[in-house]
Protein backbone atom coordinates (compact mmCIF):
# COMPACT_ATOMS: atom_id res chain seq x y z
CA UNK A 1 -39.75 -25.52 63.18
CA UNK A 2 -42.29 -25.48 66.01
CA UNK A 3 -41.90 -27.80 68.96
CA UNK A 4 -45.12 -29.52 70.04
CA UNK A 5 -46.05 -32.25 71.17
CA UNK A 6 -55.99 -47.99 72.78
CA UNK A 7 -56.85 -49.22 70.92
CA UNK A 8 -58.02 -50.93 67.79
CA UNK A 9 -55.32 -53.51 68.37
CA UNK A 10 -57.53 -56.27 69.72
CA UNK A 11 -60.25 -55.51 67.19
CA UNK A 12 -57.69 -56.32 64.52
CA UNK A 13 -56.58 -59.52 66.22
CA UNK A 14 -59.97 -60.91 67.24
CA UNK A 15 -62.33 -59.23 64.80
CA UNK A 16 -64.52 -57.10 67.07
CA UNK A 17 -65.92 -53.83 65.78
CA UNK A 18 -67.01 -50.46 67.12
CA UNK A 19 -70.59 -51.62 67.65
CA UNK A 20 -70.31 -54.69 69.15
CA UNK A 21 -64.29 -51.35 93.79
CA UNK A 22 -60.83 -51.68 94.46
CA UNK A 23 -59.73 -54.89 96.17
CA UNK A 24 -57.62 -53.00 98.71
CA UNK A 25 -58.85 -50.74 101.47
CA UNK A 26 -55.55 -48.89 101.22
CA UNK A 27 -55.89 -47.81 97.60
CA UNK A 28 -58.52 -45.36 96.46
CA UNK A 29 -59.58 -45.66 92.86
CA UNK A 30 -62.53 -43.31 92.99
CA UNK A 31 -61.62 -41.64 89.71
CA UNK A 32 -62.49 -38.01 89.62
CA UNK A 33 -62.08 -37.41 93.36
CA UNK A 34 -58.31 -37.20 93.65
CA UNK A 35 -57.31 -33.57 93.82
CA UNK A 36 -53.95 -32.02 94.44
CA UNK A 37 -55.52 -30.11 97.33
CA UNK A 38 -57.14 -33.21 98.88
CA UNK A 39 -55.78 -34.64 102.12
CA UNK A 40 -54.01 -37.88 101.15
CA UNK A 41 -50.49 -39.22 100.89
CA UNK A 42 -49.14 -37.72 97.68
CA UNK A 43 -45.65 -39.18 97.99
CA UNK A 44 -46.32 -41.43 95.03
CA UNK A 45 -47.30 -38.64 92.72
CA UNK A 46 -43.76 -37.64 91.81
CA UNK A 47 -43.72 -34.53 89.65
CA UNK A 48 -47.52 -34.42 89.63
CA UNK A 49 -47.49 -33.77 93.37
CA UNK A 50 -45.28 -30.73 92.98
CA UNK A 51 -46.28 -29.14 89.68
CA UNK A 52 -48.89 -26.43 89.61
CA UNK A 53 -50.18 -27.17 93.11
CA UNK A 54 -52.43 -24.30 94.11
CA UNK A 55 -51.35 -22.51 90.95
CA UNK A 56 -53.68 -22.02 88.02
CA UNK A 57 -51.67 -19.10 86.67
CA UNK A 58 -50.95 -20.64 83.29
CA UNK A 59 -54.66 -21.20 82.67
CA UNK A 60 -56.44 -18.42 84.48
CA UNK A 61 -54.59 -15.11 84.39
CA UNK A 62 -57.44 -13.11 85.91
CA UNK A 63 -57.35 -10.58 83.08
CA UNK A 64 -60.58 -8.94 81.96
CA UNK A 65 -62.06 -11.39 79.44
CA UNK A 66 -62.51 -10.21 75.87
CA UNK A 67 -65.58 -11.51 74.06
CA UNK A 68 -66.25 -11.98 70.35
CA UNK A 69 -69.24 -13.35 68.42
CA UNK A 70 -69.33 -16.96 67.26
CA UNK A 71 -71.95 -18.74 65.16
CA UNK A 72 -75.30 -16.92 65.09
CA UNK A 73 -74.11 -14.34 67.60
CA UNK A 74 -72.92 -16.80 70.24
CA UNK A 75 -70.71 -15.03 72.78
CA UNK A 76 -67.22 -16.52 73.08
CA UNK A 77 -63.94 -15.48 74.63
CA UNK A 78 -61.20 -14.64 72.13
CA UNK A 79 -58.95 -17.65 71.57
CA UNK A 80 -55.20 -17.33 70.93
CA UNK A 81 -54.34 -17.30 67.22
CA UNK A 82 -52.22 -20.42 67.67
CA UNK A 83 -54.76 -23.27 67.96
CA UNK A 84 -52.16 -25.38 69.78
CA UNK A 85 -52.12 -22.82 72.61
CA UNK A 86 -54.31 -23.27 75.66
CA UNK A 87 -57.50 -21.23 75.41
CA UNK A 88 -58.74 -18.41 77.65
CA UNK A 89 -61.11 -20.49 79.79
CA UNK A 90 -60.10 -22.39 82.92
CA UNK A 91 -61.35 -25.94 82.48
CA UNK A 92 -63.90 -27.50 84.80
CA UNK A 93 -64.38 -31.26 85.10
CA UNK A 94 -67.17 -33.43 86.45
CA UNK A 95 -67.57 -37.20 86.62
CA UNK A 96 -71.20 -38.24 86.13
CA UNK A 97 -73.14 -41.43 85.50
CA UNK A 98 -75.31 -41.54 82.37
CA UNK A 99 -77.24 -44.79 82.71
CA UNK A 100 -74.44 -47.40 82.87
CA UNK A 101 -71.74 -45.07 81.52
CA UNK A 102 -69.17 -43.43 83.78
CA UNK A 103 -68.74 -40.19 81.91
CA UNK A 104 -66.38 -37.23 82.15
CA UNK A 105 -67.39 -33.69 81.21
CA UNK A 106 -64.75 -31.03 80.61
CA UNK A 107 -66.19 -27.56 80.11
CA UNK A 108 -65.32 -23.85 79.83
CA UNK A 109 -65.46 -22.55 83.38
CA UNK A 110 -66.07 -19.06 84.67
CA UNK A 111 -62.93 -16.89 84.39
CA UNK A 112 -61.27 -16.57 87.78
CA UNK A 113 -62.98 -19.64 89.26
CA UNK A 114 -59.83 -21.78 89.30
CA UNK A 115 -57.65 -19.37 91.27
CA UNK A 116 -55.70 -21.07 94.09
CA UNK A 117 -57.20 -24.50 93.37
CA UNK A 118 -55.26 -27.71 92.85
CA UNK A 119 -55.56 -29.56 89.58
CA UNK A 120 -57.63 -32.69 89.23
CA UNK A 121 -55.71 -35.97 89.38
CA UNK A 122 -57.08 -39.15 87.81
CA UNK A 123 -56.21 -42.62 89.10
CA UNK A 124 -55.87 -44.90 86.07
CA UNK A 125 -55.91 -48.04 88.24
CA UNK A 126 -59.68 -47.82 88.11
CA UNK A 127 -59.52 -49.11 84.55
CA UNK A 128 -57.95 -52.41 85.58
CA UNK A 129 -60.15 -55.42 86.43
CA UNK A 130 -61.68 -55.01 89.88
CA UNK A 131 -59.55 -57.72 91.49
CA UNK A 132 -56.32 -56.24 90.05
CA UNK A 133 -56.73 -52.58 91.03
CA UNK A 134 -54.99 -52.86 94.39
CA UNK A 135 -51.80 -54.40 93.01
CA UNK A 136 -50.04 -51.22 91.86
CA UNK A 137 -48.85 -49.15 94.84
CA UNK A 138 -49.35 -45.40 94.95
CA UNK A 139 -45.65 -44.69 94.48
CA UNK A 140 -45.63 -46.56 91.16
CA UNK A 141 -49.05 -45.52 89.94
CA UNK A 142 -48.94 -43.39 86.77
CA UNK A 143 -51.19 -40.64 88.10
CA UNK A 144 -52.80 -38.60 85.36
CA UNK A 145 -52.75 -34.89 86.10
CA UNK A 146 -55.31 -32.74 84.30
CA UNK A 147 -55.05 -29.00 83.59
CA UNK A 148 -58.61 -28.85 84.93
CA UNK A 149 -60.43 -28.36 88.22
CA UNK A 150 -63.27 -30.33 89.78
CA UNK A 151 -66.77 -28.88 89.79
CA UNK A 152 -65.87 -25.22 89.31
CA UNK A 153 -68.75 -23.21 87.82
CA UNK A 154 -69.56 -23.28 84.13
CA UNK A 155 -69.06 -19.96 82.34
CA UNK A 156 -72.71 -19.06 81.85
CA UNK A 157 -71.99 -15.54 80.63
CA UNK A 158 -70.74 -16.94 77.34
CA UNK A 159 -72.15 -19.65 75.11
CA UNK A 160 -74.11 -21.68 74.26
CA UNK A 161 -71.16 -23.98 73.62
CA UNK A 162 -70.75 -26.65 70.93
CA UNK A 163 -70.48 -30.27 72.05
CA UNK A 164 -67.54 -32.60 71.38
CA UNK A 165 -68.14 -36.33 71.94
CA UNK A 166 -64.90 -38.31 72.24
CA UNK A 167 -64.65 -42.12 71.84
CA UNK A 168 -61.64 -43.93 73.30
CA UNK A 169 -60.16 -46.92 71.50
CA UNK A 170 -60.02 -50.61 72.39
CA UNK A 171 -58.38 -51.07 75.80
CA UNK A 172 -58.58 -47.33 76.37
CA UNK A 173 -60.59 -45.27 78.83
CA UNK A 174 -62.28 -41.88 78.96
CA UNK A 175 -59.13 -39.94 79.91
CA UNK A 176 -56.82 -41.71 77.43
CA UNK A 177 -56.57 -38.50 75.35
CA UNK A 178 -56.73 -36.02 78.23
CA UNK A 179 -54.32 -33.63 76.51
CA UNK A 180 -56.84 -33.15 73.72
CA UNK A 181 -60.09 -33.20 75.67
CA UNK A 182 -58.95 -30.59 78.20
CA UNK A 183 -57.43 -28.48 75.42
CA UNK A 184 -60.69 -28.31 73.46
CA UNK A 185 -62.58 -27.31 76.62
CA UNK A 186 -60.12 -24.48 77.25
CA UNK A 187 -60.97 -23.12 73.81
CA UNK A 188 -64.75 -23.06 74.23
CA UNK A 189 -66.20 -26.57 73.83
CA UNK A 190 -68.09 -28.85 76.20
CA UNK A 191 -66.25 -32.17 75.82
CA UNK A 192 -67.76 -35.48 76.88
CA UNK A 193 -66.06 -38.89 77.05
CA UNK A 194 -67.31 -42.12 78.60
CA UNK A 195 -65.71 -45.38 79.68
CA UNK A 196 -67.28 -47.68 77.11
CA UNK A 197 -68.27 -51.08 78.49
CA UNK A 198 -66.68 -54.03 76.66
CA UNK A 199 -64.10 -51.70 75.09
CA UNK A 200 -62.48 -50.28 78.24
CA UNK A 201 -59.08 -51.56 79.36
CA UNK A 202 -60.52 -53.62 82.23
CA UNK A 203 -62.78 -55.54 79.84
CA UNK A 204 -60.17 -56.12 77.15
CA UNK A 205 -57.72 -57.50 79.72
CA UNK A 206 -60.40 -60.11 80.48
CA UNK A 207 -61.07 -60.60 76.75
CA UNK A 208 -64.61 -59.29 77.03
CA UNK A 209 -65.85 -57.64 73.83
CA UNK A 210 -69.06 -56.45 72.20
CA UNK A 211 -69.10 -52.68 72.77
CA UNK A 212 -71.79 -50.48 71.23
CA UNK A 213 -70.19 -47.04 71.02
CA UNK A 214 -72.87 -45.57 68.79
CA UNK A 215 -75.52 -46.74 71.26
CA UNK A 216 -73.49 -45.22 74.10
CA UNK A 217 -73.28 -41.91 72.24
CA UNK A 218 -77.03 -41.90 71.71
CA UNK A 219 -77.55 -42.35 75.47
CA UNK A 220 -75.30 -39.36 76.10
CA UNK A 221 -76.98 -37.17 73.49
CA UNK A 222 -80.44 -38.13 74.76
CA UNK A 223 -79.45 -37.15 78.29
CA UNK A 224 -78.05 -33.85 77.01
CA UNK A 225 -81.34 -33.15 75.25
CA UNK A 226 -83.30 -33.87 78.43
CA UNK A 227 -80.95 -31.66 80.44
CA UNK A 228 -81.32 -33.57 83.68
CA UNK A 229 -79.22 -35.72 85.98
CA UNK A 230 -75.49 -35.26 85.67
CA UNK A 231 -75.91 -32.94 82.69
CA UNK A 232 -78.40 -30.60 84.38
CA UNK A 233 -75.73 -27.93 84.90
CA UNK A 234 -75.31 -27.68 81.12
CA UNK A 235 -78.98 -27.05 80.36
CA UNK A 236 -79.53 -23.94 78.22
CA UNK A 237 -75.77 -23.50 77.83
CA UNK A 238 -75.00 -25.99 75.04
CA UNK A 239 -75.79 -26.00 71.32
CA UNK A 240 -77.00 -29.42 70.21
CA UNK A 241 -77.07 -28.25 66.61
CA UNK A 242 -73.28 -27.97 66.68
CA UNK A 243 -71.77 -31.32 67.57
CA UNK A 244 -68.39 -32.85 66.77
CA UNK A 245 -67.64 -36.55 67.19
CA UNK A 246 -63.98 -37.52 67.52
CA UNK A 247 -62.52 -40.96 68.09
CA UNK A 248 -59.27 -42.89 68.22
CA UNK A 249 -58.85 -46.30 66.58
CA UNK A 250 -62.04 -48.32 67.20
CA UNK A 251 -63.42 -45.06 68.56
CA UNK A 252 -62.63 -43.46 65.22
CA UNK A 253 -64.67 -46.12 63.45
CA UNK A 254 -67.59 -45.26 65.73
CA UNK A 255 -67.10 -41.53 65.16
CA UNK A 256 -67.45 -42.12 61.42
CA UNK A 257 -70.77 -43.88 62.05
CA UNK A 258 -72.11 -40.79 63.83
CA UNK A 259 -71.84 -38.59 60.75
CA UNK A 260 -75.55 -38.83 59.96
CA UNK A 261 -76.82 -38.13 63.49
CA UNK A 262 -78.86 -34.90 63.87
CA UNK A 263 -76.70 -31.99 64.97
CA UNK A 264 -73.37 -33.58 64.05
CA UNK A 265 -71.44 -31.18 61.84
CA UNK A 266 -67.92 -32.60 61.92
CA UNK A 267 -66.33 -36.00 62.58
CA UNK A 268 -62.64 -36.62 63.22
CA UNK A 269 -61.47 -40.25 63.04
CA UNK A 270 -57.86 -40.66 64.20
CA UNK A 271 -55.81 -43.78 63.41
CA UNK A 272 -58.97 -45.36 62.04
CA UNK A 273 -59.83 -44.51 58.43
CA UNK A 274 -62.40 -42.38 56.68
CA UNK A 275 -66.12 -41.69 57.03
CA UNK A 276 -68.01 -42.73 53.92
CA UNK A 277 -71.55 -42.56 55.37
CA UNK A 278 -71.72 -39.00 56.66
CA UNK A 279 -74.67 -36.79 55.78
CA UNK A 280 -74.30 -34.25 53.00
CA UNK A 281 -72.34 -31.25 54.23
CA UNK A 282 -70.87 -32.92 57.32
CA UNK A 283 -67.13 -32.28 57.44
CA UNK A 284 -64.58 -35.04 58.05
CA UNK A 285 -60.99 -34.61 59.23
CA UNK A 286 -58.99 -37.83 58.86
CA UNK A 287 -55.76 -38.00 60.86
CA UNK A 288 -53.32 -40.84 60.25
CA UNK A 289 -49.88 -42.11 61.23
CA UNK A 290 -47.31 -43.42 58.76
CA UNK A 291 -45.89 -46.09 61.11
CA UNK A 292 -49.22 -47.34 62.44
CA UNK A 293 -48.94 -51.13 62.81
CA UNK A 294 -52.58 -51.57 63.86
CA UNK A 295 -54.38 -49.65 61.12
CA UNK A 296 -51.92 -49.44 58.20
CA UNK A 297 -51.37 -45.99 56.77
CA UNK A 298 -52.51 -47.18 53.34
CA UNK A 299 -55.87 -48.10 54.88
CA UNK A 300 -56.18 -44.61 56.33
CA UNK A 301 -55.43 -43.05 52.94
CA UNK A 302 -57.98 -45.32 51.26
CA UNK A 303 -60.55 -44.37 53.89
CA UNK A 304 -59.95 -40.70 53.18
CA UNK A 305 -60.31 -41.25 49.43
CA UNK A 306 -63.73 -42.86 50.01
CA UNK A 307 -64.92 -40.00 52.24
CA UNK A 308 -67.18 -37.40 50.61
CA UNK A 309 -66.21 -33.75 50.83
CA UNK A 310 -65.95 -31.46 52.68
CA UNK A 311 -62.91 -33.22 54.08
CA UNK A 312 -59.34 -32.71 55.27
CA UNK A 313 -56.43 -35.11 55.76
CA UNK A 314 -53.36 -34.88 57.97
CA UNK A 315 -50.72 -37.63 57.94
CA UNK A 316 -48.01 -37.60 60.61
CA UNK A 317 -44.47 -38.73 59.76
CA UNK A 318 -42.90 -41.48 61.93
CA UNK A 319 -46.01 -41.57 64.12
CA UNK A 320 -47.56 -44.79 65.43
CA UNK A 321 -51.03 -45.86 66.46
CA UNK A 322 -50.94 -44.35 69.94
CA UNK A 323 -49.72 -40.92 68.84
CA UNK A 324 -53.31 -39.68 69.11
CA UNK A 325 -53.54 -40.37 72.83
CA UNK A 326 -51.67 -39.89 76.11
CA UNK A 327 -50.95 -43.62 76.38
CA UNK A 328 -47.28 -43.22 75.46
CA UNK A 329 -46.84 -40.66 78.23
CA UNK A 330 -48.54 -42.47 81.11
CA UNK A 331 -45.86 -44.14 83.20
CA UNK A 332 -43.26 -43.67 80.47
CA UNK A 333 -40.46 -43.41 83.03
CA UNK A 334 -41.34 -46.95 84.17
CA UNK A 335 -41.84 -48.49 80.74
CA UNK A 336 -45.49 -47.56 80.30
CA UNK A 337 -48.81 -48.30 81.96
CA UNK A 338 -49.02 -51.98 81.02
CA UNK A 339 -45.37 -52.68 81.87
CA UNK A 340 -46.05 -51.29 85.33
CA UNK A 341 -49.15 -53.47 85.62
CA UNK A 342 -47.23 -56.59 84.59
CA UNK A 343 -44.42 -55.86 87.05
CA UNK A 344 -46.90 -55.82 89.92
CA UNK A 345 -48.65 -59.00 88.90
CA UNK A 346 -51.58 -57.76 86.83
CA UNK A 347 -52.55 -60.36 84.23
CA UNK A 348 -51.86 -58.78 80.82
CA UNK A 349 -51.94 -60.76 77.58
CA UNK A 350 -48.52 -60.40 75.83
CA UNK A 351 -50.23 -59.48 72.54
CA UNK A 352 -51.87 -56.47 74.15
CA UNK A 353 -48.67 -55.51 75.98
CA UNK A 354 -46.63 -55.52 72.76
CA UNK A 355 -49.13 -53.70 70.57
CA UNK A 356 -49.65 -51.12 73.31
CA UNK A 357 -46.23 -49.68 72.42
CA UNK A 358 -47.18 -48.83 68.82
CA UNK A 359 -46.09 -45.21 68.54
CA UNK A 360 -44.12 -45.10 71.79
CA UNK A 361 -40.77 -46.36 70.52
CA UNK A 362 -37.46 -44.51 70.32
CA UNK A 363 -37.09 -42.76 66.98
CA UNK A 364 -40.81 -42.28 66.46
CA UNK A 365 -42.62 -38.96 66.67
CA UNK A 366 -42.23 -37.70 70.23
CA UNK A 367 -45.32 -37.42 72.40
CA UNK A 368 -44.77 -33.69 72.93
CA UNK A 369 -44.55 -33.00 69.22
CA UNK A 370 -47.44 -35.27 68.32
CA UNK A 371 -49.83 -33.97 70.94
CA UNK A 372 -49.17 -30.37 69.96
CA UNK A 373 -49.82 -30.88 66.27
CA UNK A 374 -52.99 -32.84 67.03
CA UNK A 375 -54.20 -30.00 69.25
CA UNK A 376 -53.38 -27.55 66.45
CA UNK A 377 -55.17 -29.45 63.67
CA UNK A 378 -58.26 -30.49 65.61
CA UNK A 379 -58.80 -27.10 67.26
CA UNK A 380 -58.47 -25.25 63.96
CA UNK A 381 -61.03 -27.54 62.32
CA UNK A 382 -63.43 -27.43 65.28
CA UNK A 383 -63.31 -23.66 65.60
CA UNK A 384 -63.78 -23.10 61.88
CA UNK A 385 -66.84 -25.33 61.81
CA UNK A 386 -68.46 -24.94 65.24
CA UNK A 387 -67.35 -21.44 66.31
CA UNK A 388 -67.63 -19.95 62.81
CA UNK A 389 -64.17 -18.48 63.36
CA UNK A 390 -63.16 -16.42 60.32
CA UNK A 391 -59.48 -17.19 60.97
CA UNK A 392 -59.48 -20.87 61.92
CA UNK A 393 -59.56 -22.13 58.34
CA UNK A 394 -56.41 -20.15 57.62
CA UNK A 395 -54.80 -21.64 60.73
CA UNK A 396 -55.45 -25.15 59.44
CA UNK A 397 -53.83 -24.35 56.10
CA UNK A 398 -50.65 -23.31 57.94
CA UNK A 399 -50.12 -26.89 59.12
CA UNK A 400 -47.69 -27.95 56.35
CA UNK A 401 -45.56 -24.84 56.89
CA UNK A 402 -45.61 -24.81 60.69
CA UNK A 403 -44.89 -28.52 60.95
CA UNK A 404 -43.12 -29.24 57.67
CA UNK A 405 -40.97 -32.11 58.94
CA UNK A 406 -43.94 -33.89 60.53
CA UNK A 407 -46.93 -33.39 58.22
CA UNK A 408 -46.04 -35.83 55.45
CA UNK A 409 -49.46 -35.78 53.77
CA UNK A 410 -51.96 -32.94 53.78
CA UNK A 411 -55.12 -32.34 51.81
CA UNK A 412 -58.13 -30.04 51.93
CA UNK A 413 -61.12 -30.73 49.69
CA UNK A 414 -63.98 -28.49 50.72
């Protein structure tokens, strides 16, 4: 047995849907600019301050890269046969503004470009309301370390690369599923995630709703087509005819709505339901959790049944709503992100605090196991569809055997 590895919750309780500066001079919350090789007091980073500093050896071995053809002759590095394994590219990361959207781009970087660099560190306090961000001290802040490196050069010798758009859930943020987004980039995808106004954690804590995720995605795709501004470095190196849209919870509902957008070839709603309105031929991968208390598992099965083929389903045993994110990992040694916030006086509604533990409880699928199997399933599906990998479809079909105690439901209807 292999070892492997916010939220729709308020949408359920208040009925919203997918379309709808720090206060302290001593605390920096300029997300995207904390680096392990920056000059700042890292005493509060704990393990993140010590792990992998100036060491990219597990990502960038410096070996001569081996290239293989992808779709229509696209040049790609050869990925490991295990889709849960980190890919051959070091991962670059940039934080850009697309109109009103603070947006993160993770991308396949030039081999060798990450040598001797420190990993990027995200400060999640930025996602609290502006007047609350200074309350959590550095030593208690659940810093989010990324296996990626700021602003290193894009690998322009390979590509063009498919695009993956990721939608966070209600009370989430763009790095809520960092394990997945960085993983996909390491295996040859340009991955883009925004902080969605009126869905982000800071807005939900103030009970502000009315997000328009589909509209946000259209802004991002329009900017990619224009190839200017923050996306200028991607121009001529991305394939806008090969797009995946992936989302968690309310973000999964929005992903399903993108199935008819030009260029979208695959949608993956997680802890959300199916995708009944996709264009003919667009593939759907529905991923669900049997102990989800926000979107009941029966609803996820019904959503899959209503989804036209080609489609795949993966149901995870003893998994909860947050299994498809890093939210159970952030600050886990202190009770979790929102428990930390409450302890330092951040105003958090008890309903949100309680539901934010769905999937993080003792006896449920462990984060390590869950994150690995999600990387495995999503990467296999993405590479089969968007890289035209001749082997990736076979990888996906190994899921029930490789993870037999965890994959409780599995279906492929192509």
